Amino acid sequence: MSNYTIRRATLGDYESVLAIGEVYNGVDYLPCKYAELMEDDNNLNFICIVDGEVIGFLCGALIDNREAFVLRAGRVKEAYQGQGYYRALRSHLYQTMSKIKSVKHEKVVVFNEIIQKLLRPDSGFEHITMQKLYTYEIPESFVEEASYDLQPLTPKDLRRLLSNPETRHFLFPEGIIFVHRVPYKLVEGNFPSIFNKRTVLFGTPSYSSLYKLVTTGHYYNAKLGFRYILDIYGSSSEEFGDHLKAHLAFIREFNKGKTTVTIFTPQTFPVDVLDNILKRVGAVYLEQFHSEEHYFRRCVSE
């Protein structure tokens, strides 16, 4: 391991950071969202430099009124992997977070390969929830035909929805909402991150004014094309068809071609209904992307 320097990343480091290389098997979001990470004061972005070359990058995103953080977009150049540089980046970020008095928790969202390690009693992490994820390829023809049947929720709508304890517990039993796999607490301080330019929320109210189903969508462009992340909250599946059409109409504003949609469902959601609705619109299920996602949390304050 050669001598290295770690410093805060800037907008001017864009080309150097992208030269580190692709990660996430062609669905890397950093090329599309780099400027957004830099412009958000709640993101602490660091690069690792060896002999004048940027060889690593890591973002620590402060959330929940700066009471928690998540690691994002970490990477090290292939020639430097396995030599301790990512560990050095992570250690530097942890040290930085330890100096922020408000920070109490680290949150982690992981897939299959890391789950067992975090489930061990000595990991220090508490398992919060698990979701299933299913990925479909949506044909261009249906994206073109989609139309809005629902209106997007506003911050005022979400605030009113959350004020009802019964609805809140039914839709969000763990007290979190995901935006691009970041688990946000349902607090006002997170609303600017929840209602961002890439994200839309739809809700189906019942006659009693309780919401039966809420879905969120988030888009970005990647090497493998246009990606859309759709999260489902609630177990009422009858309205999902209308929600899907509304999301595809939203997609059409940014992409009129083929779209890959990854849908995250709570364990109580009837997946057979989901699959039937997607297949009726000609969607192709991509079995190789089937997985589980687990959300963990650990205490980092003394």
C-alpha atoms as a PDB file:
ATOM      1  CA  MET A   1       0.000   0.000   0.000  1.00  0.00           C
ATOM      2  CA  SER A   2       1.616   3.231  -1.224  1.00  0.00           C
ATOM      3  CA  ASN A   3       1.376   6.616   0.480  1.00  0.00           C
ATOM      4  CA  TYR A   4      -2.012   8.179  -0.122  1.00  0.00           C
ATOM      5  CA  THR A   5      -3.941  11.390   0.469  1.00  0.00           C
ATOM      6  CA  ILE A   6      -7.646  11.693   1.244  1.00  0.00           C
ATOM      7  CA  ARG A   7      -9.500  14.954   0.691  1.00  0.00           C
ATOM      8  CA  ARG A   8     -13.014  16.247   0.009  1.00  0.00           C
ATOM      9  CA  ALA A   9     -14.164  15.684  -3.569  1.00  0.00           C
ATOM     10  CA  THR A  10     -15.300  18.624  -5.723  1.00  0.00           C
ATOM     11  CA  LEU A  11     -17.253  19.113  -8.936  1.00  0.00           C
ATOM     12  CA  GLY A  12     -13.917  19.525 -10.690  1.00  0.00           C
ATOM     13  CA  ASP A  13     -12.987  15.934  -9.807  1.00  0.00           C
ATOM     14  CA  TYR A  14     -15.799  14.553 -11.979  1.00  0.00           C
ATOM     15  CA  GLU A  15     -13.645  13.105 -14.768  1.00  0.00           C
ATOM     16  CA  SER A  16     -11.063  11.713 -12.345  1.00  0.00           C
ATOM     17  CA  VAL A  17     -13.721  10.019 -10.229  1.00  0.00           C
ATOM     18  CA  LEU A  18     -15.454   8.491 -13.253  1.00  0.00           C
ATOM     19  CA  ALA A  19     -12.069   7.214 -14.457  1.00  0.00           C
ATOM     20  CA  ILE A  20     -12.001   4.981 -11.369  1.00  0.00           C
ATOM     21  CA  GLY A  21     -14.316   2.696 -13.337  1.00  0.00           C
ATOM     22  CA  GLU A  22     -17.832   1.282 -13.488  1.00  0.00           C
ATOM     23  CA  VAL A  23     -19.350  -0.524 -10.516  1.00  0.00           C
ATOM     24  CA  TYR A  24     -22.756  -2.106  -9.830  1.00  0.00           C
ATOM     25  CA  ASN A  25     -22.659  -4.213 -13.013  1.00  0.00           C
ATOM     26  CA  GLY A  26     -23.709  -1.522 -15.472  1.00  0.00           C
ATOM     27  CA  VAL A  27     -26.343   0.198 -13.305  1.00  0.00           C
ATOM     28  CA  ASP A  28     -23.932   2.612 -11.608  1.00  0.00           C
ATOM     29  CA  TYR A  29     -25.716   5.879 -10.793  1.00  0.00           C
ATOM     30  CA  LEU A  30     -22.666   8.020  -9.974  1.00  0.00           C
ATOM     31  CA  PRO A  31     -21.990   9.294 -13.543  1.00  0.00           C
ATOM     32  CA  CYS A  32     -25.585  10.578 -13.684  1.00  0.00           C
ATOM     33  CA  LYS A  33     -25.832  11.927 -10.129  1.00  0.00           C
ATOM     34  CA  TYR A  34     -22.301  13.093  -9.321  1.00  0.00           C
ATOM     35  CA  ALA A  35     -23.167  16.799  -9.405  1.00  0.00           C
ATOM     36  CA  GLU A  36     -26.175  16.208  -7.137  1.00  0.00           C
ATOM     37  CA  LEU A  37     -23.989  14.462  -4.570  1.00  0.00           C
ATOM     38  CA  MET A  38     -21.564  17.372  -4.632  1.00  0.00           C
ATOM     39  CA  GLU A  39     -24.234  20.068  -4.329  1.00  0.00           C
ATOM     40  CA  ASP A  40     -25.984  18.588  -1.279  1.00  0.00           C
ATOM     41  CA  ASP A  41     -24.425  19.902   1.941  1.00  0.00           C
ATOM     42  CA  ASN A  42     -25.521  16.741   3.725  1.00  0.00           C
ATOM     43  CA  ASN A  43     -23.190  14.634   1.573  1.00  0.00           C
ATOM     44  CA  LEU A  44     -19.564  14.268   2.657  1.00  0.00           C
ATOM     45  CA  ASN A  45     -17.680  13.138  -0.455  1.00  0.00           C
ATOM     46  CA  PHE A  46     -14.057  11.995  -0.303  1.00  0.00           C
ATOM     47  CA  ILE A  47     -11.449  10.884  -2.824  1.00  0.00           C
ATOM     48  CA  CYS A  48      -8.258   8.898  -2.270  1.00  0.00           C
ATOM     49  CA  ILE A  49      -5.172   9.975  -4.241  1.00  0.00           C
ATOM     50  CA  VAL A  50      -2.002   7.960  -4.902  1.00  0.00           C
ATOM     51  CA  ASP A  51       0.881   9.592  -6.806  1.00  0.00           C
ATOM     52  CA  GLY A  52      -1.430  12.308  -8.090  1.00  0.00           C
ATOM     53  CA  GLU A  53      -4.011   9.806  -9.369  1.00  0.00           C
ATOM     54  CA  VAL A  54      -7.560   9.585  -7.985  1.00  0.00           C
ATOM     55  CA  ILE A  55      -7.970   5.899  -7.170  1.00  0.00           C
ATOM     56  CA  GLY A  56     -10.946   5.860  -4.792  1.00  0.00           C
ATOM     57  CA  PHE A  57     -14.219   7.598  -3.946  1.00  0.00           C
ATOM     58  CA  LEU A  58     -16.752   7.347  -1.117  1.00  0.00           C
ATOM     59  CA  CYS A  59     -19.797   9.388  -0.105  1.00  0.00           C
ATOM     60  CA  GLY A  60     -21.272   9.601   3.382  1.00  0.00           C
ATOM     61  CA  ALA A  61     -24.836  10.944   3.272  1.00  0.00           C
ATOM     62  CA  LEU A  62     -26.206  12.565   6.435  1.00  0.00           C
ATOM     63  CA  ILE A  63     -29.940  11.932   6.870  1.00  0.00           C
ATOM     64  CA  ASP A  64     -32.661  12.070   9.550  1.00  0.00           C
ATOM     65  CA  ASN A  65     -31.823  15.616  10.663  1.00  0.00           C
ATOM     66  CA  ARG A  66     -28.130  14.607  10.607  1.00  0.00           C
ATOM     67  CA  GLU A  67     -28.746  11.912  13.223  1.00  0.00           C
ATOM     68  CA  ALA A  68     -27.721   9.073  10.875  1.00  0.00           C
ATOM     69  CA  PHE A  69     -25.588   8.439   7.809  1.00  0.00           C
ATOM     70  CA  VAL A  70     -25.297   5.943   4.967  1.00  0.00           C
ATOM     71  CA  LEU A  71     -22.324   5.111   2.751  1.00  0.00           C
ATOM     72  CA  ARG A  72     -22.882   5.563  -0.974  1.00  0.00           C
ATOM     73  CA  ALA A  73     -21.149   5.069  -4.335  1.00  0.00           C
ATOM     74  CA  GLY A  74     -17.919   3.626  -2.890  1.00  0.00           C
ATOM     75  CA  ARG A  75     -15.283   2.449  -5.359  1.00  0.00           C
ATOM     76  CA  VAL A  76     -11.545   1.853  -5.855  1.00  0.00           C
ATOM     77  CA  LYS A  77      -9.666   1.419  -9.145  1.00  0.00           C
ATOM     78  CA  GLU A  78      -9.160  -2.210 -10.062  1.00  0.00           C
ATOM     79  CA  ALA A  79      -5.356  -2.024  -9.920  1.00  0.00           C
ATOM     80  CA  TYR A  80      -5.550  -0.756  -6.322  1.00  0.00           C
ATOM     81  CA  GLN A  81      -8.250  -3.061  -4.967  1.00  0.00           C
ATOM     82  CA  GLY A  82      -7.477  -5.392  -2.082  1.00  0.00           C
ATOM     83  CA  GLN A  83      -4.683  -3.161  -0.759  1.00  0.00           C
ATOM     84  CA  GLY A  84      -6.552  -1.325   1.987  1.00  0.00           C
ATOM     85  CA  TYR A  85      -7.462   1.902   0.203  1.00  0.00           C
ATOM     86  CA  TYR A  86     -11.218   1.468   0.548  1.00  0.00           C
ATOM     87  CA  ARG A  87     -10.747   0.646   4.212  1.00  0.00           C
ATOM     88  CA  ALA A  88      -8.729   3.863   4.571  1.00  0.00           C
ATOM     89  CA  LEU A  89     -11.471   5.878   2.863  1.00  0.00           C
ATOM     90  CA  ARG A  90     -14.127   4.372   5.073  1.00  0.00           C
ATOM     91  CA  SER A  91     -12.051   4.935   8.216  1.00  0.00           C
ATOM     92  CA  HIS A  92     -11.534   8.593   7.259  1.00  0.00           C
ATOM     93  CA  LEU A  93     -15.259   9.040   6.700  1.00  0.00           C
ATOM     94  CA  TYR A  94     -16.100   7.364  10.027  1.00  0.00           C
ATOM     95  CA  GLN A  95     -13.658   9.668  11.808  1.00  0.00           C
ATOM     96  CA  THR A  96     -15.313  12.655  10.161  1.00  0.00           C
ATOM     97  CA  MET A  97     -18.767  11.449  11.207  1.00  0.00           C
ATOM     98  CA  SER A  98     -17.585  10.887  14.793  1.00  0.00           C
ATOM     99  CA  LYS A  99     -16.903  14.628  15.058  1.00  0.00           C
ATOM    100  CA  ILE A 100     -20.515  15.505  14.214  1.00  0.00           C
ATOM    101  CA  LYS A 101     -22.252  15.465  17.592  1.00  0.00           C
ATOM    102  CA  SER A 102     -25.743  14.880  16.174  1.00  0.00           C
ATOM    103  CA  VAL A 103     -24.818  11.565  14.494  1.00  0.00           C
ATOM    104  CA  LYS A 104     -26.139   8.548  16.402  1.00  0.00           C
ATOM    105  CA  HIS A 105     -26.580   5.763  13.823  1.00  0.00           C
ATOM    106  CA  GLU A 106     -25.145   4.265  10.681  1.00  0.00           C
ATOM    107  CA  LYS A 107     -27.720   2.753   8.325  1.00  0.00           C
ATOM    108  CA  VAL A 108     -26.902   0.017   5.818  1.00  0.00           C
ATOM    109  CA  VAL A 109     -28.944  -1.426   2.952  1.00  0.00           C
ATOM    110  CA  VAL A 110     -27.417  -4.615   1.541  1.00  0.00           C
ATOM    111  CA  PHE A 111     -28.186  -7.500  -0.778  1.00  0.00           C
ATOM    112  CA  ASN A 112     -27.623 -11.247  -0.517  1.00  0.00           C
ATOM    113  CA  GLU A 113     -23.857 -11.546  -0.265  1.00  0.00           C
ATOM    114  CA  ILE A 114     -23.315  -9.360   2.842  1.00  0.00           C
ATOM    115  CA  ILE A 115     -26.454 -10.212   4.797  1.00  0.00           C
ATOM    116  CA  GLN A 116     -25.091 -13.177   6.757  1.00  0.00           C
ATOM    117  CA  LYS A 117     -22.081 -11.198   7.939  1.00  0.00           C
ATOM    118  CA  LEU A 118     -24.281  -8.422   9.348  1.00  0.00           C
ATOM    119  CA  LEU A 119     -26.679 -10.914  10.945  1.00  0.00           C
ATOM    120  CA  ARG A 120     -23.911 -12.236  13.196  1.00  0.00           C
ATOM    121  CA  PRO A 121     -24.324 -11.202  16.858  1.00  0.00           C
ATOM    122  CA  ASP A 122     -20.862  -9.594  16.908  1.00  0.00           C
ATOM    123  CA  SER A 123     -21.524  -7.359  13.869  1.00  0.00           C
ATOM    124  CA  GLY A 124     -22.990  -4.567  15.968  1.00  0.00           C
ATOM    125  CA  PHE A 125     -25.869  -4.156  13.508  1.00  0.00           C
ATOM    126  CA  GLU A 126     -29.578  -4.541  14.212  1.00  0.00           C
ATOM    127  CA  HIS A 127     -31.718  -6.032  11.449  1.00  0.00           C
ATOM    128  CA  ILE A 128     -34.723  -3.768  10.770  1.00  0.00           C
ATOM    129  CA  THR A 129     -36.565  -5.101   7.736  1.00  0.00           C
ATOM    130  CA  MET A 130     -36.364  -7.097   4.518  1.00  0.00           C
ATOM    131  CA  GLN A 131     -37.868  -6.458   1.085  1.00  0.00           C
ATOM    132  CA  LYS A 132     -38.143  -8.568  -2.040  1.00  0.00           C
ATOM    133  CA  LEU A 133     -37.111  -7.051  -5.354  1.00  0.00           C
ATOM    134  CA  TYR A 134     -38.228  -7.946  -8.860  1.00  0.00           C
ATOM    135  CA  THR A 135     -36.893  -6.466 -12.087  1.00  0.00           C
ATOM    136  CA  TYR A 136     -38.835  -6.136 -15.341  1.00  0.00           C
ATOM    137  CA  GLU A 137     -38.109  -4.741 -18.776  1.00  0.00           C
ATOM    138  CA  ILE A 138     -41.008  -2.517 -19.882  1.00  0.00           C
ATOM    139  CA  PRO A 139     -41.563  -2.308 -23.668  1.00  0.00           C
ATOM    140  CA  GLU A 140     -41.403   1.073 -25.361  1.00  0.00           C
ATOM    141  CA  SER A 141     -44.985   0.735 -26.624  1.00  0.00           C
ATOM    142  CA  PHE A 142     -46.517   0.667 -23.167  1.00  0.00           C
ATOM    143  CA  VAL A 143     -44.463   3.589 -21.917  1.00  0.00           C
ATOM    144  CA  GLU A 144     -45.879   5.592 -24.826  1.00  0.00           C
ATOM    145  CA  GLU A 145     -49.480   4.593 -24.050  1.00  0.00           C
ATOM    146  CA  ALA A 146     -49.414   5.232 -20.306  1.00  0.00           C
ATOM    147  CA  SER A 147     -51.500   8.028 -18.845  1.00  0.00           C
ATOM    148  CA  TYR A 148     -51.992   9.551 -15.405  1.00  0.00           C
ATOM    149  CA  ASP A 149     -54.877   8.226 -13.316  1.00  0.00           C
ATOM    150  CA  LEU A 150     -53.415   9.450 -10.035  1.00  0.00           C
ATOM    151  CA  GLN A 151     -51.962  12.787  -9.006  1.00  0.00           C
ATOM    152  CA  PRO A 152     -48.560  12.861  -7.285  1.00  0.00           C
ATOM    153  CA  LEU A 153     -48.529  13.353  -3.556  1.00  0.00           C
ATOM    154  CA  THR A 154     -47.219  16.670  -2.248  1.00  0.00           C
ATOM    155  CA  PRO A 155     -45.352  17.316   1.014  1.00  0.00           C
ATOM    156  CA  LYS A 156     -48.667  18.539   2.429  1.00  0.00           C
ATOM    157  CA  ASP A 157     -50.340  15.241   1.423  1.00  0.00           C
ATOM    158  CA  LEU A 158     -47.592  13.179   3.033  1.00  0.00           C
ATOM    159  CA  ARG A 159     -47.707  15.289   6.170  1.00  0.00           C
ATOM    160  CA  ARG A 160     -51.469  14.710   6.454  1.00  0.00           C
ATOM    161  CA  LEU A 161     -51.077  10.988   5.716  1.00  0.00           C
ATOM    162  CA  LEU A 162     -48.438  10.595   8.430  1.00  0.00           C
ATOM    163  CA  SER A 163     -50.569  12.444  10.971  1.00  0.00           C
ATOM    164  CA  ASN A 164     -52.960   9.473  11.068  1.00  0.00           C
ATOM    165  CA  PRO A 165     -51.329   6.810  13.323  1.00  0.00           C
ATOM    166  CA  GLU A 166     -53.334   3.948  11.788  1.00  0.00           C
ATOM    167  CA  THR A 167     -52.362   4.827   8.212  1.00  0.00           C
ATOM    168  CA  ARG A 168     -48.770   5.513   9.194  1.00  0.00           C
ATOM    169  CA  HIS A 169     -48.358   2.123  10.844  1.00  0.00           C
ATOM    170  CA  PHE A 170     -50.142   0.256   8.044  1.00  0.00           C
ATOM    171  CA  LEU A 171     -48.031   1.764   5.254  1.00  0.00           C
ATOM    172  CA  PHE A 172     -44.730   2.303   7.061  1.00  0.00           C
ATOM    173  CA  PRO A 173     -44.517  -0.187   9.958  1.00  0.00           C
ATOM    174  CA  GLU A 174     -40.741   0.360  10.313  1.00  0.00           C
ATOM    175  CA  GLY A 175     -41.146   4.138  10.181  1.00  0.00           C
ATOM    176  CA  ILE A 176     -39.026   4.593   7.042  1.00  0.00           C
ATOM    177  CA  ILE A 177     -39.398   5.421   3.375  1.00  0.00           C
ATOM    178  CA  PHE A 178     -36.748   4.578   0.769  1.00  0.00           C
ATOM    179  CA  VAL A 179     -35.495   6.977  -1.892  1.00  0.00           C
ATOM    180  CA  HIS A 180     -32.954   5.287  -4.159  1.00  0.00           C
ATOM    181  CA  ARG A 181     -32.271   2.759  -1.400  1.00  0.00           C
ATOM    182  CA  VAL A 182     -31.616   5.339   1.287  1.00  0.00           C
ATOM    183  CA  PRO A 183     -33.823   4.596   4.344  1.00  0.00           C
ATOM    184  CA  TYR A 184     -35.243   7.917   5.539  1.00  0.00           C
ATOM    185  CA  LYS A 185     -37.128   8.370   8.794  1.00  0.00           C
ATOM    186  CA  LEU A 186     -40.554   9.910   8.352  1.00  0.00           C
ATOM    187  CA  VAL A 187     -39.538  13.319   9.675  1.00  0.00           C
ATOM    188  CA  GLU A 188     -39.912  16.792   8.153  1.00  0.00           C
ATOM    189  CA  GLY A 189     -36.165  17.231   7.889  1.00  0.00           C
ATOM    190  CA  ASN A 190     -36.058  14.457   5.265  1.00  0.00           C
ATOM    191  CA  PHE A 191     -38.793  15.933   3.051  1.00  0.00           C
ATOM    192  CA  PRO A 192     -36.361  17.806   0.736  1.00  0.00           C
ATOM    193  CA  SER A 193     -34.614  14.485   0.042  1.00  0.00           C
ATOM    194  CA  ILE A 194     -37.872  12.548  -0.340  1.00  0.00           C
ATOM    195  CA  PHE A 195     -39.423  15.121  -2.696  1.00  0.00           C
ATOM    196  CA  ASN A 196     -36.514  15.617  -5.083  1.00  0.00           C
ATOM    197  CA  LYS A 197     -36.542  16.146  -8.845  1.00  0.00           C
ATOM    198  CA  ARG A 198     -35.990  12.436  -9.588  1.00  0.00           C
ATOM    199  CA  THR A 199     -38.673  11.087  -7.261  1.00  0.00           C
ATOM    200  CA  VAL A 200     -42.464  10.905  -7.367  1.00  0.00           C
ATOM    201  CA  LEU A 201     -45.000   9.579  -4.830  1.00  0.00           C
ATOM    202  CA  PHE A 202     -48.506   8.302  -5.573  1.00  0.00           C
ATOM    203  CA  GLY A 203     -51.184   7.344  -3.052  1.00  0.00           C
ATOM    204  CA  THR A 204     -54.605   5.696  -3.115  1.00  0.00           C
ATOM    205  CA  PRO A 205     -56.881   6.961  -0.327  1.00  0.00           C
ATOM    206  CA  SER A 206     -59.826   4.935   0.925  1.00  0.00           C
ATOM    207  CA  TYR A 207     -63.294   6.303   1.668  1.00  0.00           C
ATOM    208  CA  SER A 208     -62.315   6.712   5.305  1.00  0.00           C
ATOM    209  CA  SER A 209     -59.415   8.973   4.207  1.00  0.00           C
ATOM    210  CA  LEU A 210     -56.913   6.290   5.206  1.00  0.00           C
ATOM    211  CA  TYR A 211     -54.412   5.499   2.471  1.00  0.00           C
ATOM    212  CA  LYS A 212     -54.493   1.914   1.208  1.00  0.00           C
ATOM    213  CA  LEU A 213     -51.433   2.003  -1.029  1.00  0.00           C
ATOM    214  CA  VAL A 214     -48.491   4.353  -1.543  1.00  0.00           C
ATOM    215  CA  THR A 215     -45.811   3.871  -4.187  1.00  0.00           C
ATOM    216  CA  THR A 216     -42.674   5.856  -4.907  1.00  0.00           C
ATOM    217  CA  GLY A 217     -40.587   6.026  -8.054  1.00  0.00           C
ATOM    218  CA  HIS A 218     -37.033   7.228  -8.661  1.00  0.00           C
ATOM    219  CA  TYR A 219     -35.179   7.377 -11.990  1.00  0.00           C
ATOM    220  CA  TYR A 220     -31.632   7.707 -13.273  1.00  0.00           C
ATOM    221  CA  ASN A 221     -29.612   6.876 -16.370  1.00  0.00           C
ATOM    222  CA  ALA A 222     -26.889   4.228 -16.291  1.00  0.00           C
ATOM    223  CA  LYS A 223     -24.605   2.386 -18.692  1.00  0.00           C
ATOM    224  CA  LEU A 224     -27.276  -0.276 -19.279  1.00  0.00           C
ATOM    225  CA  GLY A 225     -29.966   2.335 -19.938  1.00  0.00           C
ATOM    226  CA  PHE A 226     -32.838   4.082 -18.159  1.00  0.00           C
ATOM    227  CA  ARG A 227     -33.446   2.692 -14.676  1.00  0.00           C
ATOM    228  CA  TYR A 228     -36.533   3.152 -12.512  1.00  0.00           C
ATOM    229  CA  ILE A 229     -36.875   2.097  -8.870  1.00  0.00           C
ATOM    230  CA  LEU A 230     -40.448   1.571  -7.679  1.00  0.00           C
ATOM    231  CA  ASP A 231     -41.221   0.985  -3.994  1.00  0.00           C
ATOM    232  CA  ILE A 232     -44.544  -0.328  -2.672  1.00  0.00           C
ATOM    233  CA  TYR A 233     -45.927   0.548   0.773  1.00  0.00           C
ATOM    234  CA  GLY A 234     -48.994  -1.339   1.967  1.00  0.00           C
ATOM    235  CA  SER A 235     -50.411  -4.758   1.085  1.00  0.00           C
ATOM    236  CA  SER A 236     -53.506  -3.650  -0.864  1.00  0.00           C
ATOM    237  CA  SER A 237     -52.794  -4.824  -4.405  1.00  0.00           C
ATOM    238  CA  GLU A 238     -56.056  -3.927  -6.187  1.00  0.00           C
ATOM    239  CA  GLU A 239     -54.855  -0.401  -6.957  1.00  0.00           C
ATOM    240  CA  PHE A 240     -51.369  -1.313  -8.167  1.00  0.00           C
ATOM    241  CA  GLY A 241     -52.402  -1.352 -11.829  1.00  0.00           C
ATOM    242  CA  ASP A 242     -53.386   2.325 -11.639  1.00  0.00           C
ATOM    243  CA  HIS A 243     -50.169   3.116  -9.793  1.00  0.00           C
ATOM    244  CA  LEU A 244     -48.090   1.397 -12.466  1.00  0.00           C
ATOM    245  CA  LYS A 245     -49.749   3.433 -15.226  1.00  0.00           C
ATOM    246  CA  ALA A 246     -49.101   6.636 -13.288  1.00  0.00           C
ATOM    247  CA  HIS A 247     -45.437   5.731 -12.840  1.00  0.00           C
ATOM    248  CA  LEU A 248     -45.032   4.893 -16.530  1.00  0.00           C
ATOM    249  CA  ALA A 249     -46.578   8.241 -17.440  1.00  0.00           C
ATOM    250  CA  PHE A 250     -44.033   9.878 -15.164  1.00  0.00           C
ATOM    251  CA  ILE A 251     -41.268   7.870 -16.846  1.00  0.00           C
ATOM    252  CA  ARG A 252     -42.459   9.063 -20.260  1.00  0.00           C
ATOM    253  CA  GLU A 253     -41.553  12.639 -19.322  1.00  0.00           C
ATOM    254  CA  PHE A 254     -37.884  11.642 -19.218  1.00  0.00           C
ATOM    255  CA  ASN A 255     -37.567   8.526 -21.344  1.00  0.00           C
ATOM    256  CA  LYS A 256     -39.749   7.348 -24.229  1.00  0.00           C
ATOM    257  CA  GLY A 257     -37.836   4.158 -24.908  1.00  0.00           C
ATOM    258  CA  LYS A 258     -37.384   0.831 -23.193  1.00  0.00           C
ATOM    259  CA  THR A 259     -37.216   1.033 -19.401  1.00  0.00           C
ATOM    260  CA  THR A 260     -35.937  -1.322 -16.738  1.00  0.00           C
ATOM    261  CA  VAL A 261     -38.041  -1.181 -13.563  1.00  0.00           C
ATOM    262  CA  THR A 262     -36.973  -2.730 -10.267  1.00  0.00           C
ATOM    263  CA  ILE A 263     -39.877  -3.117  -7.847  1.00  0.00           C
ATOM    264  CA  PHE A 264     -39.321  -3.439  -4.093  1.00  0.00           C
ATOM    265  CA  THR A 265     -42.195  -5.013  -2.167  1.00  0.00           C
ATOM    266  CA  PRO A 266     -42.939  -5.563   1.518  1.00  0.00           C
ATOM    267  CA  GLN A 267     -43.149  -9.195   2.564  1.00  0.00           C
ATOM    268  CA  THR A 268     -46.963  -8.958   2.840  1.00  0.00           C
ATOM    269  CA  PHE A 269     -47.521  -7.828  -0.751  1.00  0.00           C
ATOM    270  CA  PRO A 270     -49.032 -10.549  -3.029  1.00  0.00           C
ATOM    271  CA  VAL A 271     -46.321 -10.993  -5.629  1.00  0.00           C
ATOM    272  CA  ASP A 272     -48.488 -13.112  -7.958  1.00  0.00           C
ATOM    273  CA  VAL A 273     -50.747 -10.082  -8.451  1.00  0.00           C
ATOM    274  CA  LEU A 274     -47.723  -7.943  -9.183  1.00  0.00           C
ATOM    275  CA  ASP A 275     -46.444 -10.398 -11.780  1.00  0.00           C
ATOM    276  CA  ASN A 276     -49.840 -10.685 -13.487  1.00  0.00           C
ATOM    277  CA  ILE A 277     -50.167  -6.903 -13.843  1.00  0.00           C
ATOM    278  CA  LEU A 278     -46.655  -6.525 -15.272  1.00  0.00           C
ATOM    279  CA  LYS A 279     -47.091  -9.362 -17.752  1.00  0.00           C
ATOM    280  CA  ARG A 280     -50.404  -7.926 -18.999  1.00  0.00           C
ATOM    281  CA  VAL A 281     -48.522  -4.852 -20.226  1.00  0.00           C
ATOM    282  CA  GLY A 282     -45.906  -6.980 -21.965  1.00  0.00           C
ATOM    283  CA  ALA A 283     -43.182  -6.603 -19.345  1.00  0.00           C
ATOM    284  CA  VAL A 284     -40.430  -9.224 -19.353  1.00  0.00           C
ATOM    285  CA  TYR A 285     -39.299 -10.535 -15.980  1.00  0.00           C
ATOM    286  CA  LEU A 286     -35.496 -10.505 -15.605  1.00  0.00           C
ATOM    287  CA  GLU A 287     -34.934 -13.478 -13.324  1.00  0.00           C
ATOM    288  CA  GLN A 288     -31.193 -12.851 -12.916  1.00  0.00           C
ATOM    289  CA  PHE A 289     -31.941  -9.706 -10.910  1.00  0.00           C
ATOM    290  CA  HIS A 290     -34.255 -11.379  -8.366  1.00  0.00           C
ATOM    291  CA  SER A 291     -32.973 -10.803  -4.865  1.00  0.00           C
ATOM    292  CA  GLU A 292     -33.677  -9.692  -1.320  1.00  0.00           C
ATOM    293  CA  GLU A 293     -32.696  -6.400   0.256  1.00  0.00           C
ATOM    294  CA  HIS A 294     -32.079  -6.052   3.980  1.00  0.00           C
ATOM    295  CA  TYR A 295     -31.896  -2.882   6.033  1.00  0.00           C
ATOM    296  CA  PHE A 296     -29.655  -2.759   9.113  1.00  0.00           C
ATOM    297  CA  ARG A 297     -28.800  -0.091  11.662  1.00  0.00           C
ATOM    298  CA  ARG A 298     -26.087   0.279  14.296  1.00  0.00           C
ATOM    299  CA  CYS A 299     -25.385   2.782  17.034  1.00  0.00           C
ATOM    300  CA  VAL A 300     -22.215   4.844  16.532  1.00  0.00           C
ATOM    301  CA  SER A 301     -22.562   7.366  19.368  1.00  0.00           C
ATOM    302  CA  GLU A 302     -21.073   6.783  22.803  1.00  0.00           C
END
